[in-house]
Protein backbone atom coordinates (compact mmCIF):
# COMPACT_ATOMS: atom_id res chain seq x y z
CA UNK A 1 9.25 9.94 -16.76
CA UNK A 2 12.00 12.59 -16.56
CA UNK A 3 12.00 16.27 -16.98
CA UNK A 4 14.88 18.82 -17.14
CA UNK A 5 14.45 21.79 -14.87
CA UNK A 6 16.66 25.06 -15.31
CA UNK A 7 16.25 27.04 -11.71
CA UNK A 8 16.49 30.54 -11.01
CA UNK A 9 16.71 30.97 -7.11
CA UNK A 10 16.23 34.44 -5.36
CA UNK A 11 13.60 35.60 -7.94
CA UNK A 12 10.81 38.06 -6.85
CA UNK A 13 8.17 35.73 -7.98
CA UNK A 14 7.68 32.02 -8.12
CA UNK A 15 7.26 30.66 -11.62
CA UNK A 16 6.78 27.51 -13.77
CA UNK A 17 7.34 28.05 -17.39
CA UNK A 18 7.51 25.14 -19.77
CA UNK A 19 10.27 25.97 -22.49
CA UNK A 20 10.03 22.60 -24.59
CA UNK A 21 9.12 18.87 -24.55
CA UNK A 22 9.73 18.02 -20.79
CA UNK A 23 11.96 21.01 -20.20
CA UNK A 24 11.05 23.91 -17.67
CA UNK A 25 12.10 26.92 -16.02
CA UNK A 26 11.21 27.46 -12.49
CA UNK A 27 11.81 30.65 -10.42
CA UNK A 28 11.46 30.15 -6.93
CA UNK A 29 12.21 33.05 -4.27
CA UNK A 30 14.23 30.68 -2.08
CA UNK A 31 18.14 30.94 -1.93
CA UNK A 32 20.26 28.04 -2.95
CA UNK A 33 21.20 27.29 0.62
CA UNK A 34 20.58 24.47 3.01
CA UNK A 35 18.31 22.69 0.20
CA UNK A 36 15.69 25.47 0.32
CA UNK A 37 15.28 25.82 -3.62
CA UNK A 38 15.38 22.61 -4.32
CA UNK A 39 12.34 22.08 -2.25
CA UNK A 40 10.51 24.66 -3.19
CA UNK A 41 11.03 23.80 -7.05
CA UNK A 42 9.93 20.65 -5.92
CA UNK A 43 6.55 21.93 -4.72
CA UNK A 44 6.21 24.21 -7.48
CA UNK A 45 6.54 21.12 -10.05
CA UNK A 46 4.02 19.46 -8.05
CA UNK A 47 1.66 22.18 -8.01
CA UNK A 48 1.98 22.63 -12.03
CA UNK A 49 1.63 18.87 -12.89
CA UNK A 50 -0.56 17.93 -10.33
CA UNK A 51 1.89 14.95 -9.39
CA UNK A 52 1.97 13.92 -5.30
CA UNK A 53 5.18 14.86 -3.91
CA UNK A 54 6.07 11.71 -2.81
CA UNK A 55 6.38 10.82 -6.68
CA UNK A 56 9.33 12.64 -7.79
CA UNK A 57 12.62 13.30 -6.74
CA UNK A 58 15.82 15.32 -8.14
CA UNK A 59 17.95 12.45 -10.06
CA UNK A 60 20.86 14.88 -10.96
CA UNK A 61 21.87 18.58 -10.15
CA UNK A 62 21.36 18.97 -6.16
CA UNK A 63 23.76 21.90 -6.41
CA UNK A 64 23.31 23.35 -9.85
CA UNK A 65 20.91 25.25 -11.70
CA UNK A 66 19.67 22.64 -14.12
CA UNK A 67 18.51 19.54 -12.58
CA UNK A 68 16.70 16.31 -14.13
CA UNK A 69 13.54 15.34 -11.84
CA UNK A 70 11.93 11.92 -12.16
CA UNK A 71 8.29 11.38 -11.74
CA UNK A 72 7.26 8.00 -10.98
CA UNK A 73 4.05 5.92 -10.02
């Protein structure tokens, strides 16, 4: 399964919000440097969906705000 995530780095609060079917907005405190925001994003999605971190990866958008994350078994 793939989900689309729009990331807002350097936010004041950590937040995951579902905006549509398979679409989320994620606010993270980390800056978009040295892969910090990506790692925090995956951590928040892990907590929100209850999927282990080892079962997800960023497919596209490593350096962009809009990312596609793949969840697998």
